[in-house]
Protein backbone atom coordinates (compact mmCIF):
# COMPACT_ATOMS: atom_id res chain seq x y z
CA MET A 1 0.00 0.00 0.00
CA PRO A 2 1.54 3.34 -1.03
CA MET A 3 2.32 5.97 1.55
CA PRO A 4 0.18 9.11 1.42
CA SER A 5 1.98 12.17 0.14
CA PRO A 6 3.46 14.53 2.74
CA ASP A 7 1.12 17.30 1.52
CA ARG A 8 -1.93 15.10 1.98
CA MET A 9 -0.78 14.00 5.43
CA MET A 10 -0.19 17.63 6.42
CA LYS A 11 -3.68 18.60 5.26
CA GLN A 12 -5.19 15.72 7.23
CA ILE A 13 -3.27 16.77 10.35
CA GLN A 14 -4.37 20.40 9.93
CA LYS A 15 -7.99 19.31 9.50
CA MET A 16 -7.75 17.17 12.63
CA GLN A 17 -6.26 20.11 14.57
CA GLN A 18 -9.15 22.34 13.46
CA GLU A 19 -11.71 19.71 14.46
CA LEU A 20 -10.02 19.24 17.84
CA ALA A 21 -10.05 23.01 18.48
CA LYS A 22 -13.75 23.15 17.61
CA MET A 23 -14.43 20.13 19.83
CA GLU A 24 -12.62 21.80 22.73
CA GLU A 25 -14.87 24.85 22.40
CA GLU A 26 -17.97 22.65 22.28
CA LEU A 27 -16.88 20.59 25.29
CA ALA A 28 -16.57 23.75 27.34
CA THR A 29 -20.33 24.23 26.95
CA ARG A 30 -21.33 20.61 27.64
CA THR A 31 -21.83 19.35 31.17
CA VAL A 32 -22.20 16.08 33.04
CA GLU A 33 -23.70 15.54 36.48
CA ALA A 34 -22.88 13.04 39.18
CA SER A 35 -24.30 12.53 42.64
CA SER A 36 -23.61 10.65 45.83
CA GLY A 37 -25.42 9.96 49.06
CA GLY A 38 -28.59 9.05 47.20
CA GLY A 39 -28.61 12.44 45.48
CA ALA A 40 -27.81 14.46 48.59
CA VAL A 41 -24.69 15.85 46.90
CA LYS A 42 -24.55 16.70 43.20
CA ALA A 43 -21.55 17.88 41.22
CA VAL A 44 -21.60 19.24 37.68
CA ALA A 45 -18.48 19.31 35.51
CA ASN A 46 -17.94 20.68 32.03
CA GLY A 47 -16.09 19.03 29.17
CA LYS A 48 -12.94 20.92 30.13
CA GLN A 49 -12.99 18.85 33.31
CA GLU A 50 -13.79 21.79 35.55
CA ILE A 51 -16.34 21.60 38.35
CA VAL A 52 -18.98 24.22 37.58
CA SER A 53 -21.31 23.60 40.52
CA VAL A 54 -21.83 21.57 43.66
CA THR A 55 -25.27 21.28 45.24
CA ILE A 56 -25.78 19.96 48.76
CA ASP A 57 -29.19 19.03 50.10
CA PRO A 58 -29.58 20.81 53.47
CA THR A 59 -30.69 17.54 55.07
CA ALA A 60 -27.22 16.14 54.33
CA VAL A 61 -25.61 18.75 56.58
CA ASP A 62 -25.10 17.21 60.00
CA PRO A 63 -22.67 19.30 62.07
CA ALA A 64 -21.99 16.25 64.22
CA ASP A 65 -20.84 14.22 61.21
CA VAL A 66 -19.10 16.50 58.72
CA GLU A 67 -16.84 13.66 57.51
CA ILE A 68 -19.72 11.88 55.75
CA LEU A 69 -20.65 15.08 53.90
CA GLN A 70 -17.01 15.62 52.90
CA ASP A 71 -16.81 12.05 51.59
CA MET A 72 -20.02 12.54 49.59
CA VAL A 73 -18.66 15.75 48.04
CA VAL A 74 -15.39 14.05 47.07
CA ALA A 75 -17.27 11.07 45.60
CA ALA A 76 -19.63 13.26 43.54
CA VAL A 77 -16.81 15.48 42.29
CA ASN A 78 -14.60 12.54 41.30
CA ASP A 79 -17.50 10.86 39.53
CA ALA A 80 -18.37 14.07 37.64
CA LEU A 81 -14.74 14.54 36.57
CA GLY A 82 -14.58 10.92 35.43
CA LYS A 83 -17.72 11.39 33.34
CA ALA A 84 -16.33 14.63 31.86
CA ARG A 85 -13.07 12.88 30.98
CA ALA A 86 -14.94 9.99 29.34
CA MET A 87 -17.07 12.44 27.34
CA ALA A 88 -13.95 14.23 26.10
CA GLU A 89 -12.14 10.98 25.27
CA GLN A 90 -15.15 9.82 23.27
CA GLU A 91 -15.14 13.01 21.22
CA ILE A 92 -11.39 12.81 20.64
CA ALA A 93 -11.69 9.19 19.49
CA ARG A 94 -14.41 10.25 17.05
CA ILE A 95 -12.12 12.88 15.52
CA THR A 96 -8.85 10.96 15.56
CA GLY A 97 -10.34 7.65 14.48
CA GLY A 98 -9.16 6.02 17.68
CA LEU A 99 -5.50 7.01 17.32
CA ASN A 100 -3.84 7.31 20.71
CA LEU A 101 -2.44 10.85 20.66
CA PRO A 102 -1.22 11.73 24.17
CA GLY A 103 -1.53 15.29 25.40
CA LEU A 104 -4.70 16.23 23.52
CA LEU A 105 -6.58 17.02 26.71
CA PRO A 106 -5.24 19.01 29.63
CA GLY A 107 -4.71 16.87 32.69
CA MET A 108 -4.71 13.58 30.78
């Protein structure tokens, strides 16, 4: 099978870079939500893997047992970040055709 010409490869790489830049902009506007404690704590992350909100049901706030609330916040945040990362990886795979190109997402 003949090798693609360098010009063609360069054009494909440039197109992929443009698609990745567009995808990054789109991911910034998309969000995922995760919860813990039966929904007592909810965390929302965007596709840039940033936490955009945390909601805590007032009934989950027990001053005598703050550790449980802290654990629920950590669990919800980690789950939301995991979902955001998976969403971004899925979009990258769609654009790159499954090529493993390290460093495409910050923090990965």
